[in-house]
N, C-alpha and C. Protein backbone atom coordinates (compact mmCIF):
# COMPACT_ATOMS: atom_id res chain seq x y z
N MET A 1 124.42 130.65 93.35
CA MET A 1 125.63 129.55 92.68
C MET A 1 126.38 129.98 91.77
N LEU A 2 127.91 130.22 91.70
CA LEU A 2 128.67 130.60 90.84
C LEU A 2 128.48 130.00 89.75
N LEU A 3 128.08 130.75 88.46
CA LEU A 3 128.05 129.90 87.30
C LEU A 3 130.09 130.18 86.82
N THR A 4 129.98 128.79 86.45
CA THR A 4 131.66 128.78 85.67
C THR A 4 131.41 128.41 84.02
N GLU A 5 132.29 128.61 83.44
CA GLU A 5 132.81 127.90 81.95
C GLU A 5 132.20 126.48 81.55
N LYS A 6 132.26 125.62 82.57
CA LYS A 6 132.07 124.60 82.75
C LYS A 6 130.59 124.13 82.69
N LYS A 7 129.78 125.14 82.54
CA LYS A 7 128.36 124.95 83.26
C LYS A 7 127.56 125.44 81.96
N LEU A 8 128.59 126.08 81.10
CA LEU A 8 127.92 126.81 80.09
C LEU A 8 127.79 125.78 78.59
N ASN A 9 126.26 126.23 78.16
CA ASN A 9 126.27 125.32 76.62
C ASN A 9 126.57 126.39 75.73
N TYR A 10 126.95 125.54 74.54
CA TYR A 10 127.02 126.21 73.03
C TYR A 10 125.78 127.11 72.93
N GLY A 11 126.19 128.33 72.64
CA GLY A 11 125.10 129.25 72.09
C GLY A 11 124.48 129.98 73.07
N ASP A 12 125.40 129.70 74.50
CA ASP A 12 124.30 130.28 75.65
C ASP A 12 124.30 132.03 75.53
N HIS A 13 123.72 132.67 75.85
CA HIS A 13 123.80 134.44 75.80
C HIS A 13 124.32 134.57 77.61
N ILE A 14 125.85 135.02 77.17
CA ILE A 14 126.24 135.37 78.93
C ILE A 14 126.65 136.95 78.41
N TYR A 15 126.79 137.09 79.72
CA TYR A 15 126.87 138.65 80.14
C TYR A 15 128.09 139.00 81.47
N VAL A 16 128.45 139.91 81.36
CA VAL A 16 129.12 140.70 82.90
C VAL A 16 128.94 142.30 82.98
N ARG A 17 128.66 142.33 83.86
CA ARG A 17 128.59 143.65 84.58
C ARG A 17 130.03 144.65 84.55
N ARG A 18 129.83 145.49 84.08
CA ARG A 18 130.97 146.69 84.11
C ARG A 18 130.75 147.58 84.77
N LYS A 19 131.89 148.41 85.27
CA LYS A 19 131.84 149.74 85.59
C LYS A 19 130.53 149.38 86.75
N GLY A 20 130.79 148.70 87.76
CA GLY A 20 130.08 148.99 88.91
C GLY A 20 128.61 148.49 88.82
N LEU A 21 128.31 147.96 88.16
CA LEU A 21 126.95 147.60 87.47
C LEU A 21 126.12 148.66 86.98
N PHE A 22 126.92 149.81 86.02
CA PHE A 22 126.54 150.64 85.03
C PHE A 22 126.02 150.20 83.71
N TYR A 23 126.30 148.91 83.77
CA TYR A 23 126.08 148.41 82.15
C TYR A 23 126.68 147.58 82.10
N SER A 24 126.28 146.01 81.22
CA SER A 24 126.62 144.67 80.89
C SER A 24 127.64 144.72 78.97
N HIS A 25 128.31 143.69 79.38
CA HIS A 25 128.65 143.02 77.84
C HIS A 25 128.17 142.00 77.76
N HIS A 26 127.92 141.91 76.93
CA HIS A 26 127.20 140.44 76.57
C HIS A 26 127.81 140.25 75.00
N GLY A 27 127.55 138.51 75.25
CA GLY A 27 128.74 137.76 74.01
C GLY A 27 127.39 136.55 73.95
N ILE A 28 127.82 135.38 73.35
CA ILE A 28 127.52 134.14 73.17
C ILE A 28 128.54 133.22 73.15
N TYR A 29 128.33 132.31 74.31
CA TYR A 29 129.27 131.78 74.34
C TYR A 29 129.67 130.65 73.10
N ALA A 30 130.89 130.41 72.47
CA ALA A 30 130.73 129.88 71.19
C ALA A 30 131.76 128.46 71.49
N GLY A 31 131.96 127.54 72.96
CA GLY A 31 132.37 126.68 73.02
C GLY A 31 133.99 126.53 73.10
N GLU A 32 134.29 125.55 73.66
CA GLU A 32 136.18 125.65 74.48
C GLU A 32 136.83 126.91 74.61
N GLY A 33 135.89 127.37 75.51
CA GLY A 33 136.49 128.61 76.55
C GLY A 33 136.32 129.95 75.01
N THR A 34 135.61 130.31 73.90
CA THR A 34 135.65 131.19 73.60
C THR A 34 134.31 131.97 73.42
N VAL A 35 134.03 133.40 72.98
CA VAL A 35 133.16 134.02 73.25
C VAL A 35 132.87 134.73 72.06
N ILE A 36 131.74 135.17 71.38
CA ILE A 36 131.50 136.01 70.05
C ILE A 36 130.57 137.06 70.76
N HIS A 37 131.53 138.49 70.36
CA HIS A 37 130.52 139.71 71.00
C HIS A 37 131.34 140.63 70.20
N PHE A 38 130.73 142.04 70.79
CA PHE A 38 130.98 143.36 70.03
C PHE A 38 132.56 143.54 70.28
N LYS A 39 134.28 143.65 70.24
CA LYS A 39 135.08 143.74 70.37
C LYS A 39 134.65 145.41 71.24
N GLY A 40 135.35 145.42 72.63
CA GLY A 40 136.12 146.97 73.01
C GLY A 40 135.08 147.25 74.32
N THR A 41 135.34 148.17 74.98
CA THR A 41 134.36 148.67 75.96
C THR A 41 133.77 150.16 75.18
N VAL A 42 132.97 150.63 76.45
CA VAL A 42 132.43 152.01 76.04
C VAL A 42 133.39 152.75 75.36
N LYS A 43 134.48 153.08 76.08
CA LYS A 43 135.49 154.27 75.31
C LYS A 43 136.01 154.05 74.14
N GLU A 44 135.72 152.89 73.42
CA GLU A 44 136.31 151.81 72.51
C GLU A 44 135.92 152.48 71.39
N LYS A 45 134.05 152.52 71.56
CA LYS A 45 133.21 152.17 70.59
C LYS A 45 133.66 152.69 69.44
N LYS A 46 134.64 153.14 68.78
CA LYS A 46 134.63 154.00 67.69
C LYS A 46 134.40 153.11 66.45
N ASP A 47 134.63 152.01 65.87
CA ASP A 47 134.55 151.53 64.94
C ASP A 47 134.48 149.96 65.42
N PRO A 48 133.48 149.72 66.50
CA PRO A 48 133.81 147.89 66.92
C PRO A 48 133.10 146.94 66.09
N VAL A 49 133.49 145.79 65.97
CA VAL A 49 133.64 144.35 65.30
C VAL A 49 133.21 143.58 65.96
N VAL A 50 132.51 143.03 65.51
CA VAL A 50 131.93 141.51 65.77
C VAL A 50 133.50 140.59 65.76
N ILE A 51 134.05 139.85 66.94
CA ILE A 51 135.28 139.35 67.28
C ILE A 51 134.84 138.07 67.93
N ILE A 52 135.63 137.08 68.03
CA ILE A 52 135.89 135.91 68.85
C ILE A 52 136.72 136.03 69.57
N THR A 53 137.26 135.84 71.31
CA THR A 53 137.63 136.12 71.92
C THR A 53 137.89 135.11 73.16
N ASP A 54 138.93 134.73 73.72
CA ASP A 54 138.81 133.91 74.46
C ASP A 54 138.10 134.21 76.12
N ILE A 55 137.35 133.20 76.85
CA ILE A 55 136.24 133.73 77.80
C ILE A 55 136.86 134.83 78.63
N ASP A 56 137.99 135.15 78.98
CA ASP A 56 138.93 135.58 79.90
C ASP A 56 139.16 136.97 79.62
N ASN A 57 139.14 137.17 78.27
CA ASN A 57 139.49 138.07 77.85
C ASN A 57 137.93 139.08 78.00
N PHE A 58 136.79 138.37 77.36
CA PHE A 58 135.70 138.84 77.39
C PHE A 58 135.75 139.27 79.41
N LEU A 59 135.60 138.47 80.10
CA LEU A 59 135.07 138.69 81.15
C LEU A 59 135.75 139.78 81.82
N ASN A 60 137.09 140.06 81.67
CA ASN A 60 138.01 141.24 82.11
C ASN A 60 137.83 141.24 83.90
N SER A 61 137.85 140.39 84.13
CA SER A 61 137.90 140.20 85.69
C SER A 61 136.62 139.86 86.31
N GLY A 62 135.37 140.08 85.33
CA GLY A 62 134.19 139.95 85.66
C GLY A 62 133.75 138.63 85.98
N LYS A 63 132.13 139.20 86.56
CA LYS A 63 131.53 137.66 87.10
C LYS A 63 130.85 137.06 85.78
N LEU A 64 131.03 135.45 85.44
CA LEU A 64 130.45 135.41 84.25
C LEU A 64 128.82 135.13 84.93
N GLN A 65 127.90 135.55 83.88
CA GLN A 65 126.31 135.71 83.62
C GLN A 65 125.79 134.71 83.04
N ARG A 66 124.31 134.14 83.27
CA ARG A 66 123.79 133.58 81.75
C ARG A 66 122.50 134.28 81.94
N ARG A 67 121.95 134.35 80.62
CA ARG A 67 120.55 135.24 80.88
C ARG A 67 119.84 134.05 80.01
N MET A 68 119.01 133.67 80.36
CA MET A 68 117.71 132.73 79.84
C MET A 68 116.60 133.10 78.77
N HIS A 69 116.70 132.75 77.52
CA HIS A 69 115.45 133.28 77.01
C HIS A 69 113.99 132.15 76.38
N LYS A 70 112.92 132.53 76.76
CA LYS A 70 111.97 131.74 77.45
C LYS A 70 111.64 130.95 75.45
N ASN A 71 111.39 131.71 74.73
CA ASN A 71 111.65 131.53 73.38
C ASN A 71 112.89 131.95 72.43
N ARG A 72 113.85 130.92 72.29
CA ARG A 72 115.20 131.00 71.89
C ARG A 72 114.68 129.80 70.31
N LEU A 73 115.80 130.73 69.24
CA LEU A 73 116.34 129.47 68.46
C LEU A 73 117.14 128.33 69.27
N PRO A 74 117.35 127.48 68.03
CA PRO A 74 118.36 126.25 68.97
C PRO A 74 119.76 126.95 68.68
N PRO A 75 120.55 126.02 70.08
CA PRO A 75 121.84 126.95 69.90
C PRO A 75 122.96 126.50 68.67
N SER A 76 122.54 125.56 67.63
CA SER A 76 123.43 125.73 66.75
C SER A 76 123.18 126.77 65.63
N GLU A 77 121.48 127.22 65.97
CA GLU A 77 121.27 128.35 64.66
C GLU A 77 121.75 129.53 65.61
N THR A 78 121.95 129.84 66.63
CA THR A 78 122.41 130.69 67.33
C THR A 78 124.02 131.33 67.05
N LEU A 79 124.48 130.04 67.08
CA LEU A 79 126.09 130.61 66.79
C LEU A 79 126.25 130.16 64.88
N ARG A 80 125.43 129.85 64.22
CA ARG A 80 125.34 130.15 63.02
C ARG A 80 125.15 131.66 62.68
N ILE A 81 124.35 132.32 63.30
CA ILE A 81 124.09 134.04 63.03
C ILE A 81 124.98 134.28 63.98
N ALA A 82 125.81 134.41 64.87
CA ALA A 82 126.45 134.79 65.43
C ALA A 82 128.40 134.74 65.15
N ARG A 83 128.42 133.36 64.13
CA ARG A 83 129.50 133.38 62.89
C ARG A 83 129.14 134.18 61.80
N GLU A 84 128.27 134.40 61.48
CA GLU A 84 128.13 134.84 60.44
C GLU A 84 128.28 136.55 60.26
N HIS A 85 128.36 137.22 61.62
CA HIS A 85 128.46 138.33 61.98
C HIS A 85 129.99 138.62 62.50
N LEU A 86 130.65 137.69 62.44
CA LEU A 86 132.03 138.18 62.92
C LEU A 86 132.80 138.67 61.66
N SER A 87 133.48 139.96 62.31
CA SER A 87 133.94 141.03 61.41
C SER A 87 133.27 142.45 61.19
N LYS A 88 132.13 141.97 61.47
CA LYS A 88 131.06 143.44 61.07
C LYS A 88 131.23 144.08 61.72
N LYS A 89 130.68 145.50 61.31
CA LYS A 89 130.76 146.37 62.56
C LYS A 89 129.11 147.17 62.24
N GLY A 90 129.38 148.13 62.40
CA GLY A 90 127.96 148.62 62.76
C GLY A 90 127.37 148.62 64.22
N TYR A 91 128.03 148.65 65.15
CA TYR A 91 127.70 149.00 66.72
C TYR A 91 126.56 150.59 66.24
N SER A 92 125.82 150.26 67.37
CA SER A 92 125.11 151.91 67.77
C SER A 92 124.46 151.51 69.52
N LEU A 93 124.78 152.49 70.58
CA LEU A 93 124.69 152.47 71.39
C LEU A 93 123.10 151.90 71.80
N THR A 94 122.39 152.91 71.05
CA THR A 94 121.42 152.64 70.73
C THR A 94 119.97 151.47 69.92
N PHE A 95 120.41 151.28 69.00
CA PHE A 95 120.12 150.20 68.28
C PHE A 95 121.01 149.15 67.81
N ASN A 96 122.16 148.87 68.07
CA ASN A 96 122.57 147.67 67.80
C ASN A 96 124.52 147.38 68.84
N ASN A 97 123.65 147.31 70.08
CA ASN A 97 124.80 147.34 70.89
C ASN A 97 125.04 145.87 71.46
N CYS A 98 126.10 145.47 72.28
CA CYS A 98 126.39 144.57 72.39
C CYS A 98 125.08 142.97 72.52
N GLU A 99 124.52 143.97 73.46
CA GLU A 99 123.03 143.36 73.56
C GLU A 99 121.93 142.83 72.62
N HIS A 100 121.92 143.93 71.75
CA HIS A 100 120.94 143.73 70.50
C HIS A 100 121.56 142.72 70.06
N PHE A 101 122.58 142.49 69.49
CA PHE A 101 123.35 141.80 68.62
C PHE A 101 123.10 140.07 69.47
N VAL A 102 123.57 140.11 70.70
CA VAL A 102 123.35 138.69 71.17
C VAL A 102 121.94 138.42 71.55
N THR A 103 121.49 138.84 71.87
CA THR A 103 119.76 138.77 71.82
C THR A 103 119.13 138.28 70.18
N TYR A 104 119.39 139.14 69.06
CA TYR A 104 119.27 138.58 68.26
C TYR A 104 119.63 137.27 67.75
N CYS A 105 120.51 137.02 68.25
CA CYS A 105 121.17 135.96 67.77
C CYS A 105 120.89 135.11 68.38
N VAL A 106 120.28 135.17 69.60
CA VAL A 106 119.69 134.23 70.31
C VAL A 106 118.37 134.22 69.83
N THR A 107 117.36 134.96 69.88
CA THR A 107 115.64 134.98 69.72
C THR A 107 115.22 135.56 67.90
N GLY A 108 116.51 136.33 67.48
CA GLY A 108 115.86 136.24 66.21
C GLY A 108 115.23 138.01 66.07
N LYS A 109 115.52 138.45 67.64
CA LYS A 109 114.93 139.45 67.89
C LYS A 109 115.93 140.48 68.31
N LYS A 110 115.99 142.25 67.92
CA LYS A 110 116.86 142.81 68.35
C LYS A 110 116.30 143.63 69.89
N THR A 111 117.13 143.24 70.89
CA THR A 111 116.19 144.34 71.82
C THR A 111 117.39 144.14 73.09
N SER A 112 117.31 145.16 73.82
CA SER A 112 118.12 145.57 75.00
C SER A 112 117.78 146.07 76.28
N ARG A 113 117.57 144.83 77.11
CA ARG A 113 116.99 145.33 78.40
C ARG A 113 117.43 146.97 78.91
N GLN A 114 118.55 146.94 78.51
CA GLN A 114 119.37 148.06 79.12
C GLN A 114 119.00 149.39 78.37
N ILE A 115 119.19 149.28 77.40
CA ILE A 115 118.35 150.84 76.50
C ILE A 115 116.89 150.73 76.90
N ARG A 116 116.34 149.93 77.04
CA ARG A 116 114.50 149.80 76.85
C ARG A 116 114.56 150.37 78.98
N GLY A 117 115.34 149.69 79.58
CA GLY A 117 115.48 150.92 81.19
C GLY A 117 115.76 152.30 80.64
N VAL A 118 116.77 152.71 80.36
CA VAL A 118 117.46 153.56 79.75
C VAL A 118 116.15 154.87 79.57
N VAL A 119 115.83 154.06 78.37
CA VAL A 119 114.38 154.95 77.73
C VAL A 119 113.40 155.17 78.77
N GLY A 120 112.86 153.92 79.31
CA GLY A 120 111.68 153.45 80.46
C GLY A 120 111.87 154.61 81.66
N GLY A 121 113.33 154.91 81.75
CA GLY A 121 113.66 155.86 82.84
C GLY A 121 113.05 157.39 82.40
N ILE A 122 113.99 157.85 80.97
CA ILE A 122 113.82 158.96 80.56
C ILE A 122 112.33 159.57 80.02
N VAL A 123 111.05 158.68 80.46
CA VAL A 123 110.10 158.56 79.83
C VAL A 123 109.60 159.12 80.98
N GLY A 124 109.58 158.37 81.95
CA GLY A 124 109.15 158.61 83.41
C GLY A 124 109.62 159.71 84.20
N ILE A 125 110.67 159.84 83.81
CA ILE A 125 111.12 161.64 84.16
C ILE A 125 110.29 162.82 83.55
N THR A 126 110.64 162.61 82.36
CA THR A 126 109.53 163.42 81.70
C THR A 126 108.25 163.65 81.73
N PHE A 127 107.39 162.41 81.73
CA PHE A 127 105.94 162.44 82.81
C PHE A 127 105.92 163.00 83.92
N THR A 128 106.95 162.84 84.76
CA THR A 128 106.83 163.30 86.23
C THR A 128 106.95 165.10 86.28
N VAL A 129 107.71 165.69 85.41
CA VAL A 129 108.25 166.88 85.25
C VAL A 129 107.25 167.65 84.18
N THR A 130 106.62 167.31 83.65
CA THR A 130 105.48 167.38 82.68
C THR A 130 104.24 167.98 83.52
N ALA A 131 103.99 166.58 84.46
CA ALA A 131 103.37 166.66 85.21
C ALA A 131 103.14 167.90 86.30
N ALA A 132 104.52 168.09 86.75
CA ALA A 132 104.23 169.22 88.04
C ALA A 132 104.72 170.53 87.26
N VAL A 133 104.72 170.45 86.27
CA VAL A 133 104.36 171.85 85.51
C VAL A 133 103.41 172.09 85.12
N PHE A 134 102.70 171.38 84.73
CA PHE A 134 101.26 171.49 84.44
C PHE A 134 100.28 171.51 85.52
N ARG A 135 100.77 170.93 86.97
CA ARG A 135 100.21 171.19 88.54
C ARG A 135 100.39 172.52 88.52
N LYS A 136 101.59 172.95 88.37
CA LYS A 136 101.87 174.20 89.28
C LYS A 136 101.85 175.05 88.06
N LYS A 137 101.11 175.28 86.87
CA LYS A 137 100.45 176.55 86.19
C LYS A 137 98.85 176.57 86.18
N ARG A 138 98.67 175.25 86.85
CA ARG A 138 96.96 175.38 86.73
C ARG A 138 96.55 175.74 88.14
N ALA A 139 97.67 175.35 89.24
CA ALA A 139 97.59 176.31 90.89
C ALA A 139 97.81 177.86 90.47
N LYS A 140 98.30 178.18 89.58
CA LYS A 140 98.65 179.36 89.44
C LYS A 140 97.24 180.51 88.88
N LYS A 141 96.95 179.46 87.83
CA LYS A 141 95.71 180.14 87.38
C LYS A 141 94.50 180.08 87.87
N LYS A 142 94.43 178.88 88.71
CA LYS A 142 92.98 178.82 90.15
C LYS A 142 93.43 180.21 91.06
N MET A 143 94.69 180.40 91.47
CA MET A 143 95.37 181.76 92.18
C MET A 143 94.70 183.08 91.48
N GLY A 144 94.83 183.18 90.33
CA GLY A 144 94.60 184.69 89.55
C GLY A 144 93.31 184.17 89.79
N ASN A 145 92.14 183.61 89.60
CA ASN A 145 90.89 183.76 88.80
C ASN A 145 90.04 183.81 90.94
N LEU A 146 90.94 183.79 91.52
CA LEU A 146 90.49 184.36 93.31
C LEU A 146 89.99 185.56 93.41
């Protein structure tokens, strides 16, 4: 079912996929067609700031999506936290990206599924490569003992 602005609630964690599913941009729905989020795209992240914009600007022709949280703060608290961060800087792709910011506003904890997924992938690749190198060395050692 298509999510529309009419189905949003104040304080909802919303997001939109960017660059063909490569990453998502996250924001807090602040009501009356506005969203609080970090300004800019990945290429513009030189000195991003938390801003409030209209939802069309936030979506940038993308498909509106909502993330549900099991344990979340009340919407009024979410909006209070988000508004306190307006005009603040401090963006970091790995430690304080738009998803970290929004998840913090909604749950009180800074997390990013996108970053966890990337880190998990790197750990998995590292483990696989290390295991392959270890097996190869072990096989060579075995061949040398024959």
